[in-house]
């Protein structure tokens, strides 16, 4: 049986990492991250590359999680607080009543990650994506369609930001990822590892439905509005998703789902 540690004071030093969650989302937690909600917690506990350090639960959630908590290392503290105290700790109403603190795995070099992938790997390249909802949605789609990994440039936001993990429904914990310094460095790593590089853009020269994937393939996605740099499109195989009347109405997360379906079906 898992036992809980009651927290009655929002200033209790034992739950310091959970204090003012939103502010710490922005400044980081020294190689740790926060996972929120039951579905995400279930995904997190199945992953070996992240070490869970503690849980903070609302009182009414503890009994509903007895079976799930049975898979937790007994050494991991499980804190329990009233809804009022928990809201005071995190700084906003935490409706899901479930938070977990976990340690990040070190990011491998791009060449190491790519070298370990199968010969038919499909990798996403994220370029300049600063919206956490979009990054979370892309990782959700990547997990659903079995993408092998994701590469992020230096401007793309953190997939392990709490909101990104929540939007991804845990997909950001499933799909391996690492960073390259720039989109150009990303493409160099992909080509050196034997990937054909596709760039998705409304101005693409080929229709996505015409693409027949063979061997290792990477798909680059850019931010809504600016999209991928024209010079990058000119040096890769650019593809497009035709839309009615030429109206570019899809956001990048939706676009990633369509493209992943087409490339994996």
C-alpha atoms as a PDB file:
ATOM      1  CA  UNK A   1       0.000   0.000   0.000  1.00  0.00           C
ATOM      2  CA  UNK A   2       1.225   3.478  -0.911  1.00  0.00           C
ATOM      3  CA  UNK A   3       0.951   5.937   1.944  1.00  0.00           C
ATOM      4  CA  UNK A   4       0.643   9.678   1.551  1.00  0.00           C
ATOM      5  CA  UNK A   5       2.296  12.538   3.368  1.00  0.00           C
ATOM      6  CA  UNK A   6      -0.234  15.201   4.385  1.00  0.00           C
ATOM      7  CA  UNK A   7       0.527  18.823   3.534  1.00  0.00           C
ATOM      8  CA  UNK A   8      -1.467  21.414   5.459  1.00  0.00           C
ATOM      9  CA  UNK A   9       0.787  24.449   5.032  1.00  0.00           C
ATOM     10  CA  UNK A  10       1.382  25.892   1.519  1.00  0.00           C
ATOM     11  CA  UNK A  11       4.815  27.009   2.724  1.00  0.00           C
ATOM     12  CA  UNK A  12       5.891  23.485   3.697  1.00  0.00           C
ATOM     13  CA  UNK A  13       9.486  23.181   2.356  1.00  0.00           C
ATOM     14  CA  UNK A  14       8.908  19.604   1.216  1.00  0.00           C
ATOM     15  CA  UNK A  15       6.749  20.773  -1.685  1.00  0.00           C
ATOM     16  CA  UNK A  16       8.957  23.706  -2.708  1.00  0.00           C
ATOM     17  CA  UNK A  17       9.309  22.478  -6.354  1.00  0.00           C
ATOM     18  CA  UNK A  18       5.530  22.767  -6.815  1.00  0.00           C
ATOM     19  CA  UNK A  19       5.264  26.338  -5.575  1.00  0.00           C
ATOM     20  CA  UNK A  20       4.227  29.005  -8.145  1.00  0.00           C
ATOM     21  CA  UNK A  21       4.090  26.481 -10.964  1.00  0.00           C
ATOM     22  CA  UNK A  22       3.401  28.908 -13.801  1.00  0.00           C
ATOM     23  CA  UNK A  23       6.302  31.177 -12.910  1.00  0.00           C
ATOM     24  CA  UNK A  24       8.676  28.241 -12.707  1.00  0.00           C
ATOM     25  CA  UNK A  25       7.393  26.936 -16.020  1.00  0.00           C
ATOM     26  CA  UNK A  26       9.017  29.995 -17.552  1.00  0.00           C
ATOM     27  CA  UNK A  27      12.357  29.887 -15.744  1.00  0.00           C
ATOM     28  CA  UNK A  28      12.881  26.133 -15.492  1.00  0.00           C
ATOM     29  CA  UNK A  29      13.381  23.680 -12.635  1.00  0.00           C
ATOM     30  CA  UNK A  30      17.019  22.568 -12.826  1.00  0.00           C
ATOM     31  CA  UNK A  31      16.613  19.567 -15.138  1.00  0.00           C
ATOM     32  CA  UNK A  32      13.148  18.684 -13.848  1.00  0.00           C
ATOM     33  CA  UNK A  33       9.637  19.102 -15.213  1.00  0.00           C
ATOM     34  CA  UNK A  34       6.046  18.994 -14.016  1.00  0.00           C
ATOM     35  CA  UNK A  35       3.488  16.523 -15.407  1.00  0.00           C
ATOM     36  CA  UNK A  36      -0.192  17.264 -14.825  1.00  0.00           C
ATOM     37  CA  UNK A  37      -3.287  15.046 -14.835  1.00  0.00           C
ATOM     38  CA  UNK A  38      -4.073  11.346 -14.568  1.00  0.00           C
ATOM     39  CA  UNK A  39      -3.636  10.438 -18.242  1.00  0.00           C
ATOM     40  CA  UNK A  40      -0.217  12.093 -18.388  1.00  0.00           C
ATOM     41  CA  UNK A  41       0.810  10.477 -15.095  1.00  0.00           C
ATOM     42  CA  UNK A  42      -0.046   7.049 -16.476  1.00  0.00           C
ATOM     43  CA  UNK A  43       2.144   7.717 -19.510  1.00  0.00           C
ATOM     44  CA  UNK A  44       4.973   9.064 -17.349  1.00  0.00           C
ATOM     45  CA  UNK A  45       5.062   5.996 -15.114  1.00  0.00           C
ATOM     46  CA  UNK A  46       5.547   3.770 -18.180  1.00  0.00           C
ATOM     47  CA  UNK A  47       8.646   5.648 -19.354  1.00  0.00           C
ATOM     48  CA  UNK A  48      12.062   4.476 -18.227  1.00  0.00           C
ATOM     49  CA  UNK A  49      14.001   7.574 -19.302  1.00  0.00           C
ATOM     50  CA  UNK A  50      12.345   9.842 -16.714  1.00  0.00           C
ATOM     51  CA  UNK A  51      12.747   9.404 -12.962  1.00  0.00           C
ATOM     52  CA  UNK A  52       9.688  10.436 -10.937  1.00  0.00           C
ATOM     53  CA  UNK A  53      10.833  12.302  -7.812  1.00  0.00           C
ATOM     54  CA  UNK A  54       7.521  13.069  -6.083  1.00  0.00           C
ATOM     55  CA  UNK A  55       3.764  13.467  -6.504  1.00  0.00           C
ATOM     56  CA  UNK A  56       1.404  16.119  -5.189  1.00  0.00           C
ATOM     57  CA  UNK A  57      -2.253  15.065  -5.138  1.00  0.00           C
ATOM     58  CA  UNK A  58      -5.495  16.656  -4.084  1.00  0.00           C
ATOM     59  CA  UNK A  59      -7.156  14.736  -1.243  1.00  0.00           C
ATOM     60  CA  UNK A  60     -10.048  13.551  -3.404  1.00  0.00           C
ATOM     61  CA  UNK A  61      -7.679  12.019  -6.004  1.00  0.00           C
ATOM     62  CA  UNK A  62      -5.572   9.763  -3.798  1.00  0.00           C
ATOM     63  CA  UNK A  63      -8.103   6.921  -3.395  1.00  0.00           C
ATOM     64  CA  UNK A  64      -8.911   6.931  -7.127  1.00  0.00           C
ATOM     65  CA  UNK A  65      -5.243   6.322  -7.977  1.00  0.00           C
ATOM     66  CA  UNK A  66      -4.504   3.426  -5.621  1.00  0.00           C
ATOM     67  CA  UNK A  67      -3.859   0.893  -8.392  1.00  0.00           C
ATOM     68  CA  UNK A  68      -1.719   3.296 -10.415  1.00  0.00           C
ATOM     69  CA  UNK A  69       0.319   4.342  -7.392  1.00  0.00           C
ATOM     70  CA  UNK A  70       1.062   0.682  -6.717  1.00  0.00           C
ATOM     71  CA  UNK A  71       3.516   0.785  -9.641  1.00  0.00           C
ATOM     72  CA  UNK A  72       5.404   3.690  -8.099  1.00  0.00           C
ATOM     73  CA  UNK A  73       8.774   3.180  -6.414  1.00  0.00           C
ATOM     74  CA  UNK A  74       8.009   3.098  -2.648  1.00  0.00           C
ATOM     75  CA  UNK A  75      10.825   5.597  -2.110  1.00  0.00           C
ATOM     76  CA  UNK A  76       8.978   8.285  -4.098  1.00  0.00           C
ATOM     77  CA  UNK A  77       7.080  10.589  -1.717  1.00  0.00           C
ATOM     78  CA  UNK A  78       3.379  11.118  -2.424  1.00  0.00           C
ATOM     79  CA  UNK A  79       2.139  14.365  -0.913  1.00  0.00           C
ATOM     80  CA  UNK A  80      -1.558  14.995  -0.335  1.00  0.00           C
ATOM     81  CA  UNK A  81      -3.245  18.340   0.263  1.00  0.00           C
ATOM     82  CA  UNK A  82      -6.719  19.796   0.394  1.00  0.00           C
ATOM     83  CA  UNK A  83      -7.875  21.515  -2.771  1.00  0.00           C
ATOM     84  CA  UNK A  84      -7.508  24.920  -1.086  1.00  0.00           C
ATOM     85  CA  UNK A  85      -3.952  24.232   0.047  1.00  0.00           C
ATOM     86  CA  UNK A  86      -2.979  22.739  -3.307  1.00  0.00           C
ATOM     87  CA  UNK A  87      -4.305  25.795  -5.166  1.00  0.00           C
ATOM     88  CA  UNK A  88      -2.315  28.031  -2.820  1.00  0.00           C
ATOM     89  CA  UNK A  89       0.841  26.015  -3.485  1.00  0.00           C
ATOM     90  CA  UNK A  90       0.675  26.051  -7.281  1.00  0.00           C
ATOM     91  CA  UNK A  91      -0.765  29.561  -7.581  1.00  0.00           C
ATOM     92  CA  UNK A  92      -3.946  28.793  -9.546  1.00  0.00           C
ATOM     93  CA  UNK A  93      -6.929  26.397  -9.350  1.00  0.00           C
ATOM     94  CA  UNK A  94      -5.498  22.991 -10.209  1.00  0.00           C
ATOM     95  CA  UNK A  95      -8.673  21.257 -11.362  1.00  0.00           C
ATOM     96  CA  UNK A  96      -7.055  17.924 -12.226  1.00  0.00           C
ATOM     97  CA  UNK A  97      -5.611  17.635  -8.725  1.00  0.00           C
ATOM     98  CA  UNK A  98      -2.583  15.614  -9.892  1.00  0.00           C
ATOM     99  CA  UNK A  99       0.982  16.855 -10.304  1.00  0.00           C
ATOM    100  CA  UNK A 100       4.222  14.900 -10.622  1.00  0.00           C
ATOM    101  CA  UNK A 101       7.799  16.123 -10.475  1.00  0.00           C
ATOM    102  CA  UNK A 102      10.212  14.192 -12.696  1.00  0.00           C
ATOM    103  CA  UNK A 103      13.832  14.482 -13.743  1.00  0.00           C
ATOM    104  CA  UNK A 104      14.705  15.072 -17.370  1.00  0.00           C
ATOM    105  CA  UNK A 105      16.884  12.677 -19.287  1.00  0.00           C
ATOM    106  CA  UNK A 106      19.967  14.343 -20.843  1.00  0.00           C
ATOM    107  CA  UNK A 107      19.423  15.197 -24.505  1.00  0.00           C
ATOM    108  CA  UNK A 108      21.600  13.064 -26.770  1.00  0.00           C
ATOM    109  CA  UNK A 109      23.578  14.635 -29.627  1.00  0.00           C
ATOM    110  CA  UNK A 110      21.506  14.626 -32.851  1.00  0.00           C
ATOM    111  CA  UNK A 111      23.884  12.222 -34.563  1.00  0.00           C
ATOM    112  CA  UNK A 112      23.559   9.737 -31.693  1.00  0.00           C
ATOM    113  CA  UNK A 113      19.765   9.839 -31.692  1.00  0.00           C
ATOM    114  CA  UNK A 114      19.515   9.491 -35.473  1.00  0.00           C
ATOM    115  CA  UNK A 115      22.050   6.678 -35.687  1.00  0.00           C
ATOM    116  CA  UNK A 116      19.964   4.537 -33.321  1.00  0.00           C
ATOM    117  CA  UNK A 117      16.764   4.821 -35.403  1.00  0.00           C
ATOM    118  CA  UNK A 118      15.524   2.099 -37.783  1.00  0.00           C
ATOM    119  CA  UNK A 119      16.123   2.182 -41.520  1.00  0.00           C
ATOM    120  CA  UNK A 120      12.517   3.196 -42.191  1.00  0.00           C
ATOM    121  CA  UNK A 121      12.453   5.911 -39.516  1.00  0.00           C
ATOM    122  CA  UNK A 122      10.212   8.952 -39.848  1.00  0.00           C
ATOM    123  CA  UNK A 123      11.504  12.032 -38.007  1.00  0.00           C
ATOM    124  CA  UNK A 124       9.889  15.434 -37.504  1.00  0.00           C
ATOM    125  CA  UNK A 125      11.976  18.608 -37.622  1.00  0.00           C
ATOM    126  CA  UNK A 126      10.482  21.574 -35.748  1.00  0.00           C
ATOM    127  CA  UNK A 127      11.756  24.972 -36.837  1.00  0.00           C
ATOM    128  CA  UNK A 128      10.934  28.171 -34.952  1.00  0.00           C
ATOM    129  CA  UNK A 129       7.830  26.843 -33.171  1.00  0.00           C
ATOM    130  CA  UNK A 130       7.333  29.003 -30.078  1.00  0.00           C
ATOM    131  CA  UNK A 131       3.704  28.088 -29.298  1.00  0.00           C
ATOM    132  CA  UNK A 132       3.443  25.418 -26.588  1.00  0.00           C
ATOM    133  CA  UNK A 133      -0.019  24.324 -27.723  1.00  0.00           C
ATOM    134  CA  UNK A 134       1.232  23.652 -31.239  1.00  0.00           C
ATOM    135  CA  UNK A 135       4.322  21.801 -30.041  1.00  0.00           C
ATOM    136  CA  UNK A 136       2.175  19.704 -27.700  1.00  0.00           C
ATOM    137  CA  UNK A 137      -0.273  18.941 -30.508  1.00  0.00           C
ATOM    138  CA  UNK A 138       2.548  17.916 -32.834  1.00  0.00           C
ATOM    139  CA  UNK A 139       4.016  15.539 -30.264  1.00  0.00           C
ATOM    140  CA  UNK A 140       0.549  14.070 -29.676  1.00  0.00           C
ATOM    141  CA  UNK A 141       0.258  13.365 -33.406  1.00  0.00           C
ATOM    142  CA  UNK A 142       3.825  12.069 -33.580  1.00  0.00           C
ATOM    143  CA  UNK A 143       3.102   9.548 -30.840  1.00  0.00           C
ATOM    144  CA  UNK A 144      -0.222   8.534 -32.397  1.00  0.00           C
ATOM    145  CA  UNK A 145       1.273   7.844 -35.831  1.00  0.00           C
ATOM    146  CA  UNK A 146       4.496   6.288 -34.582  1.00  0.00           C
ATOM    147  CA  UNK A 147       7.067   8.896 -35.555  1.00  0.00           C
ATOM    148  CA  UNK A 148      10.503   7.693 -34.531  1.00  0.00           C
ATOM    149  CA  UNK A 149      11.830  10.967 -33.114  1.00  0.00           C
ATOM    150  CA  UNK A 150      11.768  14.744 -33.340  1.00  0.00           C
ATOM    151  CA  UNK A 151      14.549  17.275 -33.831  1.00  0.00           C
ATOM    152  CA  UNK A 152      14.074  20.831 -32.551  1.00  0.00           C
ATOM    153  CA  UNK A 153      15.966  23.932 -33.520  1.00  0.00           C
ATOM    154  CA  UNK A 154      17.134  26.428 -30.914  1.00  0.00           C
ATOM    155  CA  UNK A 155      14.019  28.617 -31.264  1.00  0.00           C
ATOM    156  CA  UNK A 156      11.432  25.887 -30.748  1.00  0.00           C
ATOM    157  CA  UNK A 157       9.899  25.810 -27.273  1.00  0.00           C
ATOM    158  CA  UNK A 158      10.373  23.056 -24.737  1.00  0.00           C
ATOM    159  CA  UNK A 159       8.194  19.929 -25.275  1.00  0.00           C
ATOM    160  CA  UNK A 160       8.522  19.236 -21.536  1.00  0.00           C
ATOM    161  CA  UNK A 161       6.941  22.539 -20.575  1.00  0.00           C
ATOM    162  CA  UNK A 162       3.938  21.584 -18.421  1.00  0.00           C
ATOM    163  CA  UNK A 163       1.339  22.916 -20.871  1.00  0.00           C
ATOM    164  CA  UNK A 164       3.014  21.248 -23.854  1.00  0.00           C
ATOM    165  CA  UNK A 165       3.021  17.884 -22.045  1.00  0.00           C
ATOM    166  CA  UNK A 166      -0.643  18.330 -21.108  1.00  0.00           C
ATOM    167  CA  UNK A 167      -1.712  19.228 -24.669  1.00  0.00           C
ATOM    168  CA  UNK A 168       0.307  16.289 -26.001  1.00  0.00           C
ATOM    169  CA  UNK A 169      -1.585  13.976 -23.586  1.00  0.00           C
ATOM    170  CA  UNK A 170       1.830  12.584 -22.677  1.00  0.00           C
ATOM    171  CA  UNK A 171       3.067  12.282 -26.259  1.00  0.00           C
ATOM    172  CA  UNK A 172       5.988  14.576 -25.394  1.00  0.00           C
ATOM    173  CA  UNK A 173       7.093  11.884 -22.925  1.00  0.00           C
ATOM    174  CA  UNK A 174       6.878   9.113 -25.521  1.00  0.00           C
ATOM    175  CA  UNK A 175       8.563  10.491 -28.657  1.00  0.00           C
ATOM    176  CA  UNK A 176      12.357  10.834 -28.283  1.00  0.00           C
ATOM    177  CA  UNK A 177      13.688  14.275 -29.149  1.00  0.00           C
ATOM    178  CA  UNK A 178      16.803  16.382 -29.101  1.00  0.00           C
ATOM    179  CA  UNK A 179      17.991  19.758 -30.335  1.00  0.00           C
ATOM    180  CA  UNK A 180      20.150  21.089 -33.134  1.00  0.00           C
ATOM    181  CA  UNK A 181      21.467  24.643 -32.932  1.00  0.00           C
ATOM    182  CA  UNK A 182      19.738  25.731 -36.146  1.00  0.00           C
ATOM    183  CA  UNK A 183      17.539  24.446 -38.941  1.00  0.00           C
ATOM    184  CA  UNK A 184      20.596  24.234 -41.196  1.00  0.00           C
ATOM    185  CA  UNK A 185      22.490  22.124 -38.674  1.00  0.00           C
ATOM    186  CA  UNK A 186      19.375  19.947 -38.334  1.00  0.00           C
ATOM    187  CA  UNK A 187      19.274  19.309 -42.080  1.00  0.00           C
ATOM    188  CA  UNK A 188      23.001  18.524 -42.141  1.00  0.00           C
ATOM    189  CA  UNK A 189      22.558  15.923 -39.384  1.00  0.00           C
ATOM    190  CA  UNK A 190      19.564  14.378 -41.153  1.00  0.00           C
ATOM    191  CA  UNK A 191      21.312  14.100 -44.499  1.00  0.00           C
ATOM    192  CA  UNK A 192      24.461  12.691 -42.924  1.00  0.00           C
ATOM    193  CA  UNK A 193      22.282  10.002 -41.298  1.00  0.00           C
ATOM    194  CA  UNK A 194      20.725   9.070 -44.648  1.00  0.00           C
ATOM    195  CA  UNK A 195      17.372  10.870 -44.380  1.00  0.00           C
ATOM    196  CA  UNK A 196      15.472  12.331 -47.291  1.00  0.00           C
ATOM    197  CA  UNK A 197      14.362  15.766 -46.078  1.00  0.00           C
ATOM    198  CA  UNK A 198      10.867  17.026 -46.902  1.00  0.00           C
ATOM    199  CA  UNK A 199       9.776  20.580 -46.101  1.00  0.00           C
ATOM    200  CA  UNK A 200       6.074  21.309 -45.636  1.00  0.00           C
ATOM    201  CA  UNK A 201       4.895  24.673 -46.951  1.00  0.00           C
ATOM    202  CA  UNK A 202       1.840  26.192 -48.715  1.00  0.00           C
ATOM    203  CA  UNK A 203       4.281  27.074 -51.511  1.00  0.00           C
ATOM    204  CA  UNK A 204       5.654  23.537 -51.809  1.00  0.00           C
ATOM    205  CA  UNK A 205       6.443  22.294 -55.313  1.00  0.00           C
ATOM    206  CA  UNK A 206       4.958  18.800 -54.812  1.00  0.00           C
ATOM    207  CA  UNK A 207       1.630  17.630 -53.395  1.00  0.00           C
ATOM    208  CA  UNK A 208       1.943  15.607 -50.195  1.00  0.00           C
ATOM    209  CA  UNK A 209      -0.375  12.887 -51.516  1.00  0.00           C
ATOM    210  CA  UNK A 210       2.137  12.198 -54.317  1.00  0.00           C
ATOM    211  CA  UNK A 211       4.936  11.360 -51.902  1.00  0.00           C
ATOM    212  CA  UNK A 212       5.789   7.699 -51.467  1.00  0.00           C
ATOM    213  CA  UNK A 213       8.118   7.322 -48.551  1.00  0.00           C
ATOM    214  CA  UNK A 214      11.082   5.005 -48.999  1.00  0.00           C
ATOM    215  CA  UNK A 215      13.692   4.525 -46.293  1.00  0.00           C
ATOM    216  CA  UNK A 216      14.565   7.202 -43.793  1.00  0.00           C
ATOM    217  CA  UNK A 217      12.454  10.347 -44.122  1.00  0.00           C
ATOM    218  CA  UNK A 218      12.317  13.631 -42.230  1.00  0.00           C
ATOM    219  CA  UNK A 219       9.524  16.202 -42.394  1.00  0.00           C
ATOM    220  CA  UNK A 220      10.306  19.817 -41.494  1.00  0.00           C
ATOM    221  CA  UNK A 221       7.557  22.010 -40.014  1.00  0.00           C
ATOM    222  CA  UNK A 222       7.773  25.790 -39.593  1.00  0.00           C
ATOM    223  CA  UNK A 223       5.871  28.313 -37.516  1.00  0.00           C
ATOM    224  CA  UNK A 224       2.518  29.657 -38.646  1.00  0.00           C
ATOM    225  CA  UNK A 225       2.948  32.931 -40.466  1.00  0.00           C
ATOM    226  CA  UNK A 226       6.644  32.980 -41.387  1.00  0.00           C
ATOM    227  CA  UNK A 227       6.818  29.260 -42.156  1.00  0.00           C
ATOM    228  CA  UNK A 228      10.120  27.721 -43.159  1.00  0.00           C
ATOM    229  CA  UNK A 229      12.874  29.997 -44.526  1.00  0.00           C
ATOM    230  CA  UNK A 230      12.758  30.243 -48.358  1.00  0.00           C
ATOM    231  CA  UNK A 231      16.425  29.270 -48.582  1.00  0.00           C
ATOM    232  CA  UNK A 232      15.675  26.085 -46.635  1.00  0.00           C
ATOM    233  CA  UNK A 233      12.736  25.263 -48.909  1.00  0.00           C
ATOM    234  CA  UNK A 234      14.988  25.764 -51.931  1.00  0.00           C
ATOM    235  CA  UNK A 235      17.506  23.189 -50.726  1.00  0.00           C
ATOM    236  CA  UNK A 236      15.009  20.487 -49.656  1.00  0.00           C
ATOM    237  CA  UNK A 237      12.107  18.658 -51.281  1.00  0.00           C
ATOM    238  CA  UNK A 238       9.192  20.990 -50.600  1.00  0.00           C
ATOM    239  CA  UNK A 239       5.667  19.577 -50.338  1.00  0.00           C
ATOM    240  CA  UNK A 240       2.231  21.115 -49.834  1.00  0.00           C
ATOM    241  CA  UNK A 241      -1.279  20.149 -48.743  1.00  0.00           C
ATOM    242  CA  UNK A 242      -3.765  21.581 -51.273  1.00  0.00           C
ATOM    243  CA  UNK A 243      -6.656  23.520 -49.730  1.00  0.00           C
ATOM    244  CA  UNK A 244      -9.929  24.805 -51.097  1.00  0.00           C
ATOM    245  CA  UNK A 245      -9.516  28.033 -53.014  1.00  0.00           C
ATOM    246  CA  UNK A 246      -5.860  28.129 -52.074  1.00  0.00           C
ATOM    247  CA  UNK A 247      -6.832  29.241 -48.560  1.00  0.00           C
ATOM    248  CA  UNK A 248      -4.054  28.458 -46.082  1.00  0.00           C
ATOM    249  CA  UNK A 249      -6.269  27.748 -43.084  1.00  0.00           C
ATOM    250  CA  UNK A 250      -4.572  24.885 -41.230  1.00  0.00           C
ATOM    251  CA  UNK A 251      -2.505  25.426 -38.128  1.00  0.00           C
ATOM    252  CA  UNK A 252       0.794  23.600 -37.858  1.00  0.00           C
ATOM    253  CA  UNK A 253      -0.404  20.987 -35.345  1.00  0.00           C
ATOM    254  CA  UNK A 254      -3.339  20.005 -37.588  1.00  0.00           C
ATOM    255  CA  UNK A 255      -1.031  20.006 -40.593  1.00  0.00           C
ATOM    256  CA  UNK A 256       1.365  17.643 -38.823  1.00  0.00           C
ATOM    257  CA  UNK A 257      -1.459  15.144 -38.246  1.00  0.00           C
ATOM    258  CA  UNK A 258      -2.464  15.157 -41.917  1.00  0.00           C
ATOM    259  CA  UNK A 259       1.130  14.808 -43.052  1.00  0.00           C
ATOM    260  CA  UNK A 260       1.944  12.020 -40.593  1.00  0.00           C
ATOM    261  CA  UNK A 261      -1.137  10.097 -41.665  1.00  0.00           C
ATOM    262  CA  UNK A 262      -0.154  10.396 -45.310  1.00  0.00           C
ATOM    263  CA  UNK A 263       3.452   9.390 -44.707  1.00  0.00           C
ATOM    264  CA  UNK A 264       2.652   6.410 -42.460  1.00  0.00           C
ATOM    265  CA  UNK A 265      -0.473   4.911 -43.998  1.00  0.00           C
END
